[in-house]
Amino acid sequence: MTPYTQIPKQELSVVLDELRERFKELVAKELKLDLTRGRPSSAQLDLSLPSLELFNASSSFIAENGFDCRNYGVMDGIPEAKRLMAELMDVAPENVMVGGNASLNLMHDCMTIAYIHGLVDSESPWGKLDEVKMLCPVPGYDRHWGIIEHFGFTMVNIPMTSEGPDMDLVEKLVAEDKSVKGIWIVPKYSNPQGITCSDETVRRLANLNTAAKDFCIFYDNAYAVHELYPDDPDVLLPLLPELIKAGQPNMAIQFASTSKLTFPGAGISALAAGGTQIEYLKRHFNIQTLGYDKMNQLRNVRFFKDLDGIKKHMRKHANLLLPRFEAVYGALEAELGGTGTAVWTKPRGGYFVSLDVMEGCASRTLELCKEIGVAMNPAGNTFPYSKDQADSNIRIAPSSPDIEQLKQAVTCLGLCAKIAVLEKLTR
């Protein structure tokens, strides 16, 4: 197929008219398709139903240290839950605090601590500073940007490369500006591009020379075990040992959860930090709770047992997810292949496909999708302040719809992208 940019405008107008006829036919069908968020499918949720049978009125609720998990106490998590999450996060159990059902809560709480009190090496609470800047690899996770904006911090875009954030730019900014206090990173199978940080990127992060003494890497390893190819997974170099080697053990707070392993809203979350940062954070968390849901912690441990158990479970997830991702690739290729209108990622794990349409066309593409009945996240959603200057990026969430609905939705998306591009090229 000849790319649209190489076809005369008069011929493109004919193609556009034909596509608009297809569009009208789809609008008339009154479709209701949803590609908004990365929700596990019902089939994925079914995989964890046996965990609900682990407890009944005659079950033992005693942790390995003798603690009765039905009671108050053990604010940082029962030992077996700390050990399980430590394995998941590639750290030692003493560096872990197990939280409630969502890592997003822990992220918000850590930012609250930084805002009100500062972090362990802070000279002043962040909320009392004239300006706090956070580095934001883009495209990225909208919930991270929401937390930063909620606290009034300034967000600075950092382009993503095939090896993670643009470290040349990161190193320059953190070294010259002490108002740069942190960076948010999804280090493995990033949201939405599916990029895993290279060993070199992890080492450069650990060895950052920062003007701010309390600079912090907010390291959200949300997709640590979310492989699409379990026999050939991406391998992420553990961050904390590199920080210790660099003499900067306090410089990161890591986050993870089992929410997309079991049931969203009913998993367990954890944070990890090195040096004196972990004890500092636990003292602040101890003010707000006498302990999280330890019965849920016990249930997760008894269900998974260990990291090998988690990996076996996630292989079942991969068997359900990979065909959906392949369906997305097939539908995108069928609609957009050879047109020169878009490029898309083929991630090796995670929950999303990142689609980049021709510059200036993402918003229009999604307007057209809405008319057909395909719900998508708003254009710019993957950028701070919801402003994608190129108006190009669209995040596709393949996990929830059944495969036929998914193919139909992505086919509609591809059609809308072509119409948006042709409208631009024929003006």
Foldseek 3Di string as FASTA:
>chain_A
DAAPVPDDLVVLVVVLVVLVVVLVVLLVVQDAAEFADQDFAPVLQVLQVVLVVQDDPPDQQAAPVRDRLVDFAPAQAGQLLLQFVCQLQVHDSVQKGWAAQDLLVVVLVVLVCQQPPRFPQAPGRLVPDPAAEEEEEPLADLSVLVSCVVSPHHYDYFYADLQGTPLVVVLVVQAPDQSHAEYEGQQALTPPQRHHHDPVRLLSVLQRDGPHPRRAYEYEPAWSQFFLDLVDGDDHDRNQVSNVVNVRQQRYKYKYWCCSLHPNVQTMIMIGGDDCRSVRSSVVSVVVGSHYNRSSSVSVCVCQVHVVSSNVSSVVVSVQVNVLLVLLVVLLCVQPNNNPFWDWHSHRGDFKIKIFGQFPQQQQLQVSLVSSNYHYHHQLSSPNVSDDPRSTIGIGGRRYDPNVSSSVSSNSSSSSSSSSVSVVVND
